[in-house]
């Protein structure tokens, strides 16, 4: 099980605007501190945490953050409409388009996905495979 994913960011303010346009709509809560951003799904009292958490942090070595070539983080949305809405919101919040939301038949008949880059260049996918949608 993946417990958490961390991406680097040189400008936490820009990262906050970008990820706050996406992750709260997917149920993630934000904790912001001197070490960066921590997004986690809420946990009911007495329940185990729901993973993975998602962190956006300055680099530990102090060098500029860079996006991994071939690395991508995917977040599941509830519907195709939510994928389109969040993709648009992320673009308005400083992201760049890496692939407009649409079906990608190579990944299955219901795989609806849009791709973005955050302000640091990290690749993000927003997808839905909702069986109740065409």
N, C-alpha and C. Protein backbone atom coordinates (compact mmCIF):
# COMPACT_ATOMS: atom_id res chain seq x y z
N UNK A 1 0.84 -1.17 0.00
CA UNK A 1 0.00 0.00 0.00
C UNK A 1 0.89 1.24 0.00
N UNK A 2 0.55 2.21 -0.80
CA UNK A 2 1.28 3.47 -0.82
C UNK A 2 0.74 4.33 0.33
N UNK A 3 1.63 4.77 1.20
CA UNK A 3 1.23 5.56 2.37
C UNK A 3 1.20 7.05 2.06
N UNK A 4 2.17 7.52 1.26
CA UNK A 4 2.18 8.94 0.91
C UNK A 4 2.98 9.16 -0.36
N UNK A 5 2.73 10.30 -0.99
CA UNK A 5 3.45 10.75 -2.17
C UNK A 5 3.90 12.17 -1.87
N UNK A 6 5.14 12.49 -2.21
CA UNK A 6 5.67 13.84 -2.02
C UNK A 6 6.18 14.37 -3.34
N UNK A 7 5.83 15.62 -3.64
CA UNK A 7 6.41 16.32 -4.79
C UNK A 7 7.09 17.57 -4.27
N UNK A 8 8.13 17.98 -4.95
CA UNK A 8 8.86 19.17 -4.55
C UNK A 8 8.25 20.42 -5.15
N UNK A 9 8.44 21.54 -4.45
CA UNK A 9 7.98 22.84 -4.95
C UNK A 9 8.91 23.93 -4.45
N UNK A 10 9.27 24.81 -5.34
CA UNK A 10 10.10 25.96 -4.95
C UNK A 10 9.25 27.13 -4.48
N UNK A 11 8.01 27.22 -4.94
CA UNK A 11 7.11 28.31 -4.58
C UNK A 11 5.85 27.70 -3.96
N UNK A 12 5.82 27.64 -2.65
CA UNK A 12 4.71 26.99 -1.93
C UNK A 12 3.40 27.75 -2.16
N UNK A 13 3.46 29.06 -2.30
CA UNK A 13 2.24 29.83 -2.57
C UNK A 13 1.59 29.42 -3.88
N UNK A 14 2.38 29.29 -4.94
CA UNK A 14 1.84 28.85 -6.23
C UNK A 14 1.31 27.43 -6.13
N UNK A 15 2.03 26.58 -5.41
CA UNK A 15 1.60 25.19 -5.24
C UNK A 15 0.28 25.13 -4.46
N UNK A 16 0.15 25.97 -3.45
CA UNK A 16 -1.08 26.01 -2.66
C UNK A 16 -2.26 26.37 -3.54
N UNK A 17 -2.13 27.40 -4.39
CA UNK A 17 -3.22 27.79 -5.29
C UNK A 17 -3.59 26.65 -6.22
N UNK A 18 -2.61 25.98 -6.80
CA UNK A 18 -2.86 24.89 -7.73
C UNK A 18 -3.55 23.72 -7.04
N UNK A 19 -2.96 23.18 -6.01
CA UNK A 19 -3.51 21.98 -5.37
C UNK A 19 -4.81 22.26 -4.61
N UNK A 20 -5.00 23.48 -4.13
CA UNK A 20 -6.26 23.82 -3.47
C UNK A 20 -7.41 23.93 -4.46
N UNK A 21 -7.10 24.03 -5.75
CA UNK A 21 -8.15 24.02 -6.78
C UNK A 21 -8.62 22.61 -7.09
N UNK A 22 -7.89 21.60 -6.62
CA UNK A 22 -8.21 20.20 -6.94
C UNK A 22 -8.56 19.37 -5.71
N UNK A 23 -7.63 19.32 -4.78
CA UNK A 23 -7.70 18.30 -3.72
C UNK A 23 -8.85 18.45 -2.73
N UNK A 24 -9.24 19.65 -2.29
CA UNK A 24 -10.40 19.72 -1.40
C UNK A 24 -11.67 19.15 -2.03
N UNK A 25 -11.84 19.32 -3.34
CA UNK A 25 -13.02 18.77 -4.02
C UNK A 25 -13.00 17.24 -4.03
N UNK A 26 -11.81 16.66 -3.85
CA UNK A 26 -11.69 15.20 -3.81
C UNK A 26 -11.70 14.68 -2.38
N UNK A 27 -11.96 15.57 -1.42
CA UNK A 27 -12.10 15.16 -0.04
C UNK A 27 -10.87 15.36 0.83
N UNK A 28 -9.78 15.89 0.29
CA UNK A 28 -8.55 16.07 1.05
C UNK A 28 -8.61 17.33 1.91
N UNK A 29 -8.12 17.21 3.14
CA UNK A 29 -7.95 18.36 4.03
C UNK A 29 -6.51 18.83 3.93
N UNK A 30 -6.30 20.14 4.08
CA UNK A 30 -4.96 20.73 3.99
C UNK A 30 -4.47 21.15 5.36
N UNK A 31 -3.24 20.78 5.66
CA UNK A 31 -2.51 21.34 6.79
C UNK A 31 -1.29 22.01 6.19
N UNK A 32 -1.15 23.29 6.48
CA UNK A 32 -0.01 24.04 5.96
C UNK A 32 0.90 24.40 7.11
N UNK A 33 2.19 24.16 6.93
CA UNK A 33 3.14 24.46 7.98
C UNK A 33 4.45 24.91 7.38
N UNK A 34 5.43 25.17 8.23
CA UNK A 34 6.72 25.66 7.73
C UNK A 34 7.43 24.64 6.83
N UNK A 35 7.05 23.37 6.94
CA UNK A 35 7.68 22.34 6.11
C UNK A 35 6.94 22.13 4.80
N UNK A 36 5.85 22.86 4.54
CA UNK A 36 5.13 22.73 3.28
C UNK A 36 3.67 22.38 3.48
N UNK A 37 3.11 21.73 2.48
CA UNK A 37 1.69 21.39 2.46
C UNK A 37 1.50 19.91 2.72
N UNK A 38 0.51 19.56 3.52
CA UNK A 38 0.15 18.18 3.78
C UNK A 38 -1.34 18.01 3.51
N UNK A 39 -1.67 17.19 2.52
CA UNK A 39 -3.06 16.90 2.19
C UNK A 39 -3.36 15.48 2.63
N UNK A 40 -4.45 15.31 3.39
CA UNK A 40 -4.84 13.98 3.85
C UNK A 40 -6.35 13.86 3.81
N UNK A 41 -6.81 12.64 3.60
CA UNK A 41 -8.24 12.37 3.66
C UNK A 41 -8.66 12.32 5.12
N UNK A 42 -9.83 12.87 5.46
CA UNK A 42 -10.24 12.89 6.87
C UNK A 42 -10.44 11.48 7.41
N UNK A 43 -10.19 11.34 8.71
CA UNK A 43 -10.33 10.06 9.39
C UNK A 43 -11.35 10.22 10.51
N UNK A 44 -12.32 9.34 10.52
CA UNK A 44 -13.31 9.34 11.60
C UNK A 44 -12.67 8.79 12.87
N UNK A 45 -13.13 9.25 13.99
CA UNK A 45 -12.61 8.80 15.27
C UNK A 45 -12.69 7.27 15.35
N UNK A 46 -11.58 6.65 15.75
CA UNK A 46 -11.53 5.20 15.89
C UNK A 46 -11.27 4.45 14.60
N UNK A 47 -11.12 5.16 13.49
CA UNK A 47 -10.87 4.50 12.20
C UNK A 47 -9.40 4.64 11.81
N UNK A 48 -8.96 3.75 10.96
CA UNK A 48 -7.60 3.80 10.45
C UNK A 48 -7.50 4.88 9.38
N UNK A 49 -6.33 5.50 9.22
CA UNK A 49 -6.16 6.51 8.17
C UNK A 49 -6.42 5.93 6.78
N UNK A 50 -6.89 6.79 5.89
CA UNK A 50 -7.11 6.43 4.50
C UNK A 50 -5.91 6.97 3.72
N UNK A 51 -5.21 6.10 3.02
CA UNK A 51 -4.00 6.50 2.29
C UNK A 51 -4.27 6.58 0.80
N UNK A 52 -3.42 7.25 0.04
CA UNK A 52 -2.20 7.91 0.48
C UNK A 52 -2.42 9.38 0.82
N UNK A 53 -1.54 9.88 1.67
CA UNK A 53 -1.44 11.31 1.90
C UNK A 53 -0.64 11.90 0.75
N UNK A 54 -0.75 13.21 0.56
CA UNK A 54 -0.04 13.88 -0.52
C UNK A 54 0.64 15.12 0.04
N UNK A 55 1.97 15.19 -0.12
CA UNK A 55 2.75 16.29 0.43
C UNK A 55 3.39 17.10 -0.68
N UNK A 56 3.43 18.41 -0.48
CA UNK A 56 4.12 19.33 -1.38
C UNK A 56 5.10 20.10 -0.51
N UNK A 57 6.39 19.90 -0.76
CA UNK A 57 7.40 20.41 0.15
C UNK A 57 8.59 21.01 -0.61
N UNK A 58 9.28 21.95 0.03
CA UNK A 58 10.57 22.35 -0.53
C UNK A 58 11.52 21.16 -0.46
N UNK A 59 12.54 21.16 -1.28
CA UNK A 59 13.48 20.03 -1.28
C UNK A 59 14.27 20.01 0.02
N UNK A 60 14.65 18.82 0.44
CA UNK A 60 15.42 18.68 1.67
C UNK A 60 16.87 19.12 1.49
N UNK A 61 17.41 18.97 0.27
CA UNK A 61 18.80 19.32 0.04
C UNK A 61 19.01 20.78 -0.34
N UNK A 62 17.91 21.54 -0.46
CA UNK A 62 18.02 22.96 -0.75
C UNK A 62 18.22 23.30 -2.21
N UNK A 63 18.40 22.31 -3.05
CA UNK A 63 18.54 22.57 -4.49
C UNK A 63 17.15 22.76 -5.09
N UNK A 64 17.06 23.32 -6.30
CA UNK A 64 15.74 23.52 -6.92
C UNK A 64 14.98 22.20 -7.10
N UNK A 65 13.67 22.28 -6.90
CA UNK A 65 12.82 21.11 -7.13
C UNK A 65 12.74 20.85 -8.62
N UNK A 66 12.59 19.59 -8.98
CA UNK A 66 12.42 19.24 -10.39
C UNK A 66 11.40 18.11 -10.49
N UNK A 67 10.72 18.08 -11.63
CA UNK A 67 9.72 17.04 -11.88
C UNK A 67 10.42 15.80 -12.42
N UNK A 68 9.99 14.63 -12.01
CA UNK A 68 10.56 13.40 -12.50
C UNK A 68 10.06 13.08 -13.91
N UNK A 69 10.96 12.75 -14.79
CA UNK A 69 10.58 12.37 -16.15
C UNK A 69 9.94 10.98 -16.10
N UNK A 70 8.68 10.90 -16.46
CA UNK A 70 7.96 9.63 -16.39
C UNK A 70 7.19 9.43 -15.09
N UNK A 71 7.38 10.33 -14.12
CA UNK A 71 6.66 10.24 -12.86
C UNK A 71 5.33 10.98 -12.97
N UNK A 72 4.28 10.43 -12.37
CA UNK A 72 2.97 11.07 -12.40
C UNK A 72 2.18 10.60 -11.18
N UNK A 73 1.35 11.50 -10.66
CA UNK A 73 0.45 11.18 -9.56
C UNK A 73 -0.97 11.30 -10.12
N UNK A 74 -1.80 10.28 -9.88
CA UNK A 74 -3.18 10.27 -10.38
C UNK A 74 -4.15 10.34 -9.20
N UNK A 75 -5.15 11.21 -9.36
CA UNK A 75 -6.20 11.35 -8.36
C UNK A 75 -7.52 10.94 -8.99
N UNK A 76 -8.29 10.11 -8.28
CA UNK A 76 -9.57 9.63 -8.80
C UNK A 76 -10.69 10.60 -8.44
N UNK A 77 -11.44 10.99 -9.44
CA UNK A 77 -12.61 11.86 -9.26
C UNK A 77 -13.87 10.99 -9.26
N UNK A 78 -14.98 11.59 -8.85
CA UNK A 78 -16.24 10.85 -8.78
C UNK A 78 -16.91 10.67 -10.14
N UNK A 79 -16.63 11.58 -11.07
CA UNK A 79 -17.35 11.56 -12.35
C UNK A 79 -16.53 12.23 -13.44
N UNK A 80 -16.98 12.04 -14.67
CA UNK A 80 -16.36 12.72 -15.80
C UNK A 80 -16.51 14.23 -15.66
N UNK A 81 -17.66 14.66 -15.20
CA UNK A 81 -17.89 16.10 -15.02
C UNK A 81 -16.91 16.67 -14.01
N UNK A 82 -16.65 15.94 -12.91
CA UNK A 82 -15.71 16.43 -11.92
C UNK A 82 -14.30 16.49 -12.51
N UNK A 83 -13.92 15.52 -13.33
CA UNK A 83 -12.62 15.57 -13.99
C UNK A 83 -12.51 16.85 -14.82
N UNK A 84 -13.53 17.13 -15.63
CA UNK A 84 -13.51 18.34 -16.47
C UNK A 84 -13.44 19.60 -15.61
N UNK A 85 -14.26 19.66 -14.56
CA UNK A 85 -14.30 20.85 -13.70
C UNK A 85 -12.97 21.07 -12.99
N UNK A 86 -12.39 20.01 -12.43
CA UNK A 86 -11.13 20.15 -11.70
C UNK A 86 -9.96 20.46 -12.63
N UNK A 87 -9.97 19.86 -13.82
CA UNK A 87 -8.94 20.15 -14.82
C UNK A 87 -8.98 21.64 -15.15
N UNK A 88 -10.16 22.17 -15.38
CA UNK A 88 -10.32 23.59 -15.69
C UNK A 88 -9.89 24.46 -14.52
N UNK A 89 -10.29 24.09 -13.31
CA UNK A 89 -9.91 24.85 -12.11
C UNK A 89 -8.40 24.86 -11.91
N UNK A 90 -7.77 23.72 -12.17
CA UNK A 90 -6.31 23.63 -12.01
C UNK A 90 -5.59 24.50 -13.03
N UNK A 91 -6.10 24.55 -14.25
CA UNK A 91 -5.51 25.43 -15.26
C UNK A 91 -5.63 26.89 -14.83
N UNK A 92 -6.79 27.26 -14.32
CA UNK A 92 -7.02 28.63 -13.86
C UNK A 92 -6.15 28.97 -12.65
N UNK A 93 -5.72 27.95 -11.90
CA UNK A 93 -4.90 28.15 -10.70
C UNK A 93 -3.41 28.03 -10.98
N UNK A 94 -3.03 28.08 -12.26
CA UNK A 94 -1.60 28.11 -12.58
C UNK A 94 -1.03 26.84 -13.17
N UNK A 95 -1.84 25.83 -13.40
CA UNK A 95 -1.35 24.60 -14.03
C UNK A 95 -1.28 24.76 -15.54
N UNK A 96 -0.64 23.78 -16.19
CA UNK A 96 -0.59 23.76 -17.65
C UNK A 96 -1.19 22.44 -18.14
N UNK A 97 -1.79 22.51 -19.30
CA UNK A 97 -2.48 21.36 -19.88
C UNK A 97 -1.48 20.36 -20.46
N UNK A 98 -1.65 19.11 -20.12
CA UNK A 98 -0.85 18.02 -20.69
C UNK A 98 -1.73 17.03 -21.42
N UNK A 99 -3.01 17.30 -21.53
CA UNK A 99 -3.96 16.42 -22.21
C UNK A 99 -5.36 16.70 -21.71
N UNK A 100 -6.19 17.26 -22.56
CA UNK A 100 -7.55 17.62 -22.18
C UNK A 100 -8.33 16.38 -21.76
N UNK A 101 -9.29 16.54 -20.85
CA UNK A 101 -10.08 15.41 -20.40
C UNK A 101 -10.83 14.73 -21.55
N UNK A 102 -10.66 13.44 -21.63
CA UNK A 102 -11.37 12.63 -22.62
C UNK A 102 -11.14 11.16 -22.28
N UNK A 103 -11.80 10.28 -23.04
CA UNK A 103 -11.59 8.85 -22.86
C UNK A 103 -10.25 8.46 -23.46
N UNK A 104 -9.58 7.55 -22.81
CA UNK A 104 -8.33 6.99 -23.33
C UNK A 104 -8.58 5.49 -23.46
N UNK A 105 -8.99 5.08 -24.65
CA UNK A 105 -9.39 3.69 -24.90
C UNK A 105 -8.29 2.69 -24.55
N UNK A 106 -7.05 3.11 -24.67
CA UNK A 106 -5.94 2.20 -24.37
C UNK A 106 -5.96 1.74 -22.91
N UNK A 107 -6.63 2.50 -22.04
CA UNK A 107 -6.67 2.17 -20.62
C UNK A 107 -8.00 1.57 -20.19
N UNK A 108 -8.89 1.30 -21.13
CA UNK A 108 -10.18 0.70 -20.82
C UNK A 108 -11.32 1.55 -21.32
N UNK A 109 -12.48 0.96 -21.49
CA UNK A 109 -13.61 1.66 -22.10
C UNK A 109 -14.22 2.77 -21.25
N UNK A 110 -13.95 2.79 -19.95
CA UNK A 110 -14.52 3.82 -19.08
C UNK A 110 -13.48 4.75 -18.48
N UNK A 111 -12.26 4.67 -18.95
CA UNK A 111 -11.18 5.47 -18.36
C UNK A 111 -11.20 6.86 -18.97
N UNK A 112 -11.71 7.83 -18.20
CA UNK A 112 -11.83 9.23 -18.60
C UNK A 112 -10.80 10.01 -17.81
N UNK A 113 -9.88 10.69 -18.48
CA UNK A 113 -8.75 11.29 -17.78
C UNK A 113 -8.32 12.60 -18.44
N UNK A 114 -7.85 13.51 -17.59
CA UNK A 114 -7.21 14.74 -18.04
C UNK A 114 -5.86 14.86 -17.35
N UNK A 115 -4.89 15.40 -18.07
CA UNK A 115 -3.52 15.50 -17.55
C UNK A 115 -3.11 16.97 -17.41
N UNK A 116 -2.33 17.25 -16.37
CA UNK A 116 -1.87 18.60 -16.07
C UNK A 116 -0.43 18.56 -15.59
N UNK A 117 0.17 19.72 -15.57
CA UNK A 117 1.43 19.92 -14.85
C UNK A 117 1.18 21.00 -13.80
N UNK A 118 1.67 20.76 -12.60
CA UNK A 118 1.55 21.78 -11.56
C UNK A 118 2.56 22.89 -11.87
N UNK A 119 2.57 24.00 -11.10
CA UNK A 119 3.49 25.09 -11.41
C UNK A 119 4.97 24.70 -11.39
N UNK A 120 5.32 23.62 -10.70
CA UNK A 120 6.70 23.16 -10.64
C UNK A 120 7.03 22.22 -11.80
N UNK A 121 6.01 21.73 -12.51
CA UNK A 121 6.23 20.81 -13.62
C UNK A 121 5.88 19.37 -13.31
N UNK A 122 5.42 19.08 -12.10
CA UNK A 122 5.01 17.71 -11.76
C UNK A 122 3.75 17.35 -12.53
N UNK A 123 3.72 16.13 -13.09
CA UNK A 123 2.57 15.70 -13.88
C UNK A 123 1.50 15.10 -12.97
N UNK A 124 0.27 15.56 -13.19
CA UNK A 124 -0.88 15.15 -12.40
C UNK A 124 -1.96 14.64 -13.34
N UNK A 125 -2.59 13.54 -12.98
CA UNK A 125 -3.74 13.01 -13.73
C UNK A 125 -4.97 13.08 -12.84
N UNK A 126 -6.09 13.46 -13.45
CA UNK A 126 -7.40 13.42 -12.79
C UNK A 126 -8.24 12.47 -13.62
N UNK A 127 -8.75 11.39 -13.00
CA UNK A 127 -9.47 10.39 -13.79
C UNK A 127 -10.73 9.93 -13.10
N UNK A 128 -11.62 9.35 -13.92
CA UNK A 128 -12.82 8.70 -13.43
C UNK A 128 -13.05 7.43 -14.25
N UNK A 129 -13.40 6.38 -13.57
CA UNK A 129 -13.79 5.11 -14.21
C UNK A 129 -15.16 4.72 -13.69
N UNK A 130 -16.00 5.70 -13.44
CA UNK A 130 -17.31 5.50 -12.84
C UNK A 130 -18.14 4.54 -13.70
N UNK A 131 -18.52 3.38 -13.17
CA UNK A 131 -19.28 2.40 -13.96
C UNK A 131 -20.69 2.86 -14.28
N UNK A 132 -21.18 3.91 -13.63
CA UNK A 132 -22.53 4.41 -13.88
C UNK A 132 -22.58 5.47 -14.98
N UNK A 133 -21.43 5.75 -15.60
CA UNK A 133 -21.37 6.72 -16.69
C UNK A 133 -21.05 5.97 -17.99
N UNK A 134 -21.45 6.58 -19.11
CA UNK A 134 -21.18 5.90 -20.40
C UNK A 134 -19.70 5.81 -20.71
